[in-house]
Amino acid sequence: MDGPAFASWIRHAAELVSADAERLTRLDAAIGDGDHGHNLHRGFTAAVAALPDGAPPGKVLVAAGRAIVSKTGGASGPLYGTALRRAGKALGDAAEADAAALGAALKAALDGVQELGQANEGDKTMIDALAPAVAAYEAALADGADLAACVRAASDAADAGAAATVPMQARKGRASYLGPRSVDHLDPGASSTALILRALADVTGQE
């Protein structure tokens, strides 16, 4: 994947987030502040506007991450912005990212989010989608899959991970204040994380 392909990912993610903003906000209204979809829509709109022309993949993701941090309210801005900036820094100045490089970038994104949010799998957060996605990507890569297949495996795992948050009781974030009342709700952060990885799978599938 080259720089324009990563820019296409951010644009497509923005489209999916915009189309799903109302649902994400309804999910957040049940167990959070009720603004997740709208905040993320604002952030990704800013990320698209900030995409640099002719930049390598790493620079594209760093620019998008900075825009999301500056324009997204709540916890979403720092978390998603950190994910993209860490991924971008992992890619460095390389003109293209192969399957191994993208896998390392996704792992760096996960590490950054866990450092910032101090959440683990089972806490009912975006980590419940992102961690299994990274594990599935790495497993597919180890089996010799190409980049598109690795990303599809990651996207499928993120979808499954998000769905698995429904029976969980939240242990981190605003939802944790609800205690048992957070059970039987889909986590909005895990849902939007799965959406963003689906956008990546859509773009890589067209390569």
Protein backbone atom coordinates (compact mmCIF):
# COMPACT_ATOMS: atom_id res chain seq x y z
CA MET A 1 0.00 0.00 0.00
CA ASP A 2 1.28 3.44 -0.92
CA GLY A 3 0.37 6.87 0.42
CA PRO A 4 -2.71 7.36 -1.78
CA ALA A 5 -4.04 3.96 -0.66
CA PHE A 6 -3.76 5.00 2.99
CA ALA A 7 -5.47 8.28 2.17
CA SER A 8 -8.25 6.26 0.54
CA TRP A 9 -8.57 4.28 3.77
CA ILE A 10 -9.07 7.44 5.82
CA ARG A 11 -11.59 8.82 3.32
CA HIS A 12 -13.55 5.56 3.26
CA ALA A 13 -13.45 5.32 7.06
CA ALA A 14 -14.87 8.84 7.19
CA GLU A 15 -17.68 7.77 4.85
CA LEU A 16 -18.55 4.73 6.94
CA VAL A 17 -18.40 6.68 10.19
CA SER A 18 -20.63 9.40 8.74
CA ALA A 19 -23.16 6.86 7.52
CA ASP A 20 -23.18 5.11 10.91
CA ALA A 21 -22.87 8.16 13.17
CA GLU A 22 -26.45 8.04 14.43
CA ARG A 23 -26.22 4.35 15.38
CA LEU A 24 -22.88 4.87 17.12
CA THR A 25 -24.33 7.79 19.06
CA ARG A 26 -27.36 5.72 20.10
CA LEU A 27 -25.03 2.98 21.33
CA ASP A 28 -23.10 5.56 23.33
CA ALA A 29 -26.30 7.10 24.71
CA ALA A 30 -27.10 3.76 26.35
CA ILE A 31 -23.83 3.43 28.31
CA GLY A 32 -21.81 6.63 27.77
CA ASP A 33 -22.04 10.33 26.97
CA GLY A 34 -24.20 9.90 23.88
CA ASP A 35 -21.83 11.67 21.52
CA HIS A 36 -19.48 9.01 20.12
CA GLY A 37 -20.81 8.91 16.57
CA HIS A 38 -21.05 12.67 16.20
CA ASN A 39 -17.60 13.21 17.70
CA LEU A 40 -16.00 10.61 15.48
CA HIS A 41 -17.74 12.02 12.40
CA ARG A 42 -16.28 15.43 13.23
CA GLY A 43 -12.83 13.95 13.77
CA PHE A 44 -12.69 11.94 10.56
CA THR A 45 -14.05 14.86 8.56
CA ALA A 46 -11.12 16.87 9.89
CA ALA A 47 -8.74 14.00 9.14
CA VAL A 48 -9.83 13.93 5.50
CA ALA A 49 -9.31 17.68 5.22
CA ALA A 50 -5.82 17.32 6.71
CA LEU A 51 -4.60 14.57 4.36
CA PRO A 52 -1.32 15.68 2.75
CA ASP A 53 -0.84 15.39 -0.99
CA GLY A 54 1.83 12.99 -2.20
CA ALA A 55 2.89 11.92 1.28
CA PRO A 56 4.08 8.42 2.20
CA PRO A 57 1.83 6.16 4.29
CA GLY A 58 3.33 7.09 7.64
CA LYS A 59 2.89 10.82 7.08
CA VAL A 60 -0.71 10.28 5.95
CA LEU A 61 -1.61 8.48 9.17
CA VAL A 62 0.22 10.93 11.42
CA ALA A 63 -1.57 13.88 9.80
CA ALA A 64 -4.94 12.14 10.14
CA GLY A 65 -4.23 11.28 13.77
CA ARG A 66 -3.30 14.84 14.65
CA ALA A 67 -6.48 16.15 13.08
CA ILE A 68 -8.60 13.66 14.98
CA VAL A 69 -6.99 14.63 18.30
CA SER A 70 -7.63 18.31 17.65
CA LYS A 71 -11.22 18.03 16.45
CA THR A 72 -12.74 15.04 18.26
CA GLY A 73 -14.32 15.51 21.67
CA GLY A 74 -14.34 13.14 24.61
CA ALA A 75 -11.99 10.20 24.94
CA SER A 76 -12.32 9.28 21.27
CA GLY A 77 -9.95 11.97 20.01
CA PRO A 78 -6.90 10.98 22.05
CA LEU A 79 -7.53 7.25 21.58
CA TYR A 80 -8.14 7.16 17.83
CA GLY A 81 -5.62 9.90 17.21
CA THR A 82 -2.98 8.02 19.16
CA ALA A 83 -3.76 4.83 17.24
CA LEU A 84 -3.21 6.50 13.87
CA ARG A 85 -0.15 8.47 14.94
CA ARG A 86 1.54 5.42 16.46
CA ALA A 87 0.76 3.42 13.32
CA GLY A 88 2.14 6.23 11.17
CA LYS A 89 5.33 6.48 13.18
CA ALA A 90 5.81 2.73 12.91
CA LEU A 91 5.64 3.03 9.12
CA GLY A 92 8.22 5.82 9.12
CA ASP A 93 9.11 7.42 5.79
CA ALA A 94 8.78 4.32 3.62
CA ALA A 95 7.04 4.93 0.29
CA GLU A 96 4.99 1.75 0.62
CA ALA A 97 3.86 -0.64 3.35
CA ASP A 98 3.88 -4.38 2.76
CA ALA A 99 1.93 -6.90 4.82
CA ALA A 100 4.59 -7.15 7.53
CA ALA A 101 4.90 -3.37 7.85
CA LEU A 102 1.15 -2.87 8.10
CA GLY A 103 0.95 -5.58 10.74
CA ALA A 104 3.62 -3.83 12.77
CA ALA A 105 1.75 -0.55 12.38
CA LEU A 106 -1.50 -2.06 13.64
CA LYS A 107 0.35 -3.56 16.62
CA ALA A 108 1.83 -0.14 17.36
CA ALA A 109 -1.67 1.34 17.23
CA LEU A 110 -2.92 -1.24 19.71
CA ASP A 111 0.02 -0.64 22.05
CA GLY A 112 -0.59 3.10 21.96
CA VAL A 113 -4.27 2.78 22.77
CA GLN A 114 -3.57 0.37 25.64
CA GLU A 115 -0.91 2.67 27.08
CA LEU A 116 -3.26 5.63 26.98
CA GLY A 117 -6.50 3.97 28.05
CA GLN A 118 -5.05 1.31 30.35
CA ALA A 119 -7.66 -1.16 29.08
CA ASN A 120 -7.39 -4.85 28.28
CA GLU A 121 -9.56 -7.36 26.47
CA GLY A 122 -12.72 -8.00 28.45
CA ASP A 123 -13.00 -4.43 29.76
CA LYS A 124 -15.70 -3.60 27.16
CA THR A 125 -13.79 -0.99 25.16
CA MET A 126 -12.37 -0.55 21.67
CA ILE A 127 -9.57 -2.94 22.73
CA ASP A 128 -12.08 -5.79 22.48
CA ALA A 129 -12.20 -5.20 18.73
CA LEU A 130 -8.64 -3.99 18.11
CA ALA A 131 -6.72 -6.66 20.03
CA PRO A 132 -8.35 -9.65 18.30
CA ALA A 133 -7.97 -7.85 14.98
CA VAL A 134 -4.22 -7.51 15.48
CA ALA A 135 -3.95 -11.14 16.62
CA ALA A 136 -5.88 -12.35 13.58
CA TYR A 137 -3.74 -10.23 11.26
CA GLU A 138 -0.54 -11.62 12.76
CA ALA A 139 -1.85 -15.20 12.52
CA ALA A 140 -2.81 -14.75 8.88
CA LEU A 141 0.57 -13.19 8.12
CA ALA A 142 2.36 -16.11 9.79
CA ASP A 143 0.36 -18.47 7.58
CA GLY A 144 1.63 -16.70 4.48
CA ALA A 145 -1.48 -14.68 3.60
CA ASP A 146 -1.10 -11.56 1.50
CA LEU A 147 -1.89 -8.06 2.78
CA ALA A 148 -5.52 -8.03 1.66
CA ALA A 149 -6.23 -11.40 3.26
CA CYS A 150 -4.52 -10.35 6.49
CA VAL A 151 -6.65 -7.22 6.67
CA ARG A 152 -9.82 -9.15 5.95
CA ALA A 153 -8.98 -11.54 8.79
CA ALA A 154 -8.41 -8.55 11.06
CA SER A 155 -11.71 -6.97 10.04
CA ASP A 156 -13.64 -10.18 10.64
CA ALA A 157 -12.02 -10.58 14.06
CA ALA A 158 -12.84 -6.97 14.95
CA ASP A 159 -16.49 -7.56 14.04
CA ALA A 160 -16.59 -10.66 16.24
CA GLY A 161 -14.77 -8.87 19.04
CA ALA A 162 -17.21 -5.98 18.98
CA ALA A 163 -20.19 -8.35 19.08
CA ALA A 164 -18.64 -10.12 22.06
CA THR A 165 -18.82 -6.92 24.14
CA VAL A 166 -22.62 -7.19 24.46
CA PRO A 167 -22.65 -9.56 27.48
CA MET A 168 -19.66 -7.88 29.14
CA GLN A 169 -19.80 -5.58 32.13
CA ALA A 170 -17.73 -2.47 31.48
CA ARG A 171 -14.62 -2.06 33.60
CA LYS A 172 -13.20 1.07 31.96
CA GLY A 173 -14.50 4.43 30.80
CA ARG A 174 -17.83 6.11 31.40
CA ALA A 175 -19.72 2.85 30.92
CA SER A 176 -17.98 1.34 33.97
CA TYR A 177 -19.95 3.73 36.20
CA LEU A 178 -23.11 1.81 35.29
CA GLY A 179 -21.86 -1.47 36.72
CA PRO A 180 -24.22 -4.34 35.83
CA ARG A 181 -26.41 -1.98 33.82
CA SER A 182 -23.67 -1.86 31.16
CA VAL A 183 -24.39 -5.51 30.31
CA ASP A 184 -26.42 -6.30 27.18
CA HIS A 185 -25.14 -3.27 25.29
CA LEU A 186 -22.77 -3.20 22.33
CA ASP A 187 -19.71 -1.09 23.12
CA PRO A 188 -19.64 1.95 20.80
CA GLY A 189 -15.84 2.16 20.70
CA ALA A 190 -15.47 -1.48 19.72
CA SER A 191 -18.18 -0.97 17.10
CA SER A 192 -16.49 2.04 15.53
CA THR A 193 -13.10 0.31 15.63
CA ALA A 194 -14.59 -2.57 13.65
CA LEU A 195 -16.02 -0.03 11.22
CA ILE A 196 -12.62 1.58 10.63
CA LEU A 197 -10.98 -1.79 10.05
CA ARG A 198 -13.78 -2.71 7.65
CA ALA A 199 -12.90 0.43 5.70
CA LEU A 200 -9.28 -0.75 5.50
CA ALA A 201 -10.42 -4.18 4.31
CA ASP A 202 -12.61 -2.57 1.63
CA VAL A 203 -9.72 -0.46 0.35
CA THR A 204 -7.12 -3.25 0.36
CA GLY A 205 -9.59 -5.56 -1.36
CA GLN A 206 -9.65 -3.15 -4.28
CA GLU A 207 -5.88 -2.94 -4.61
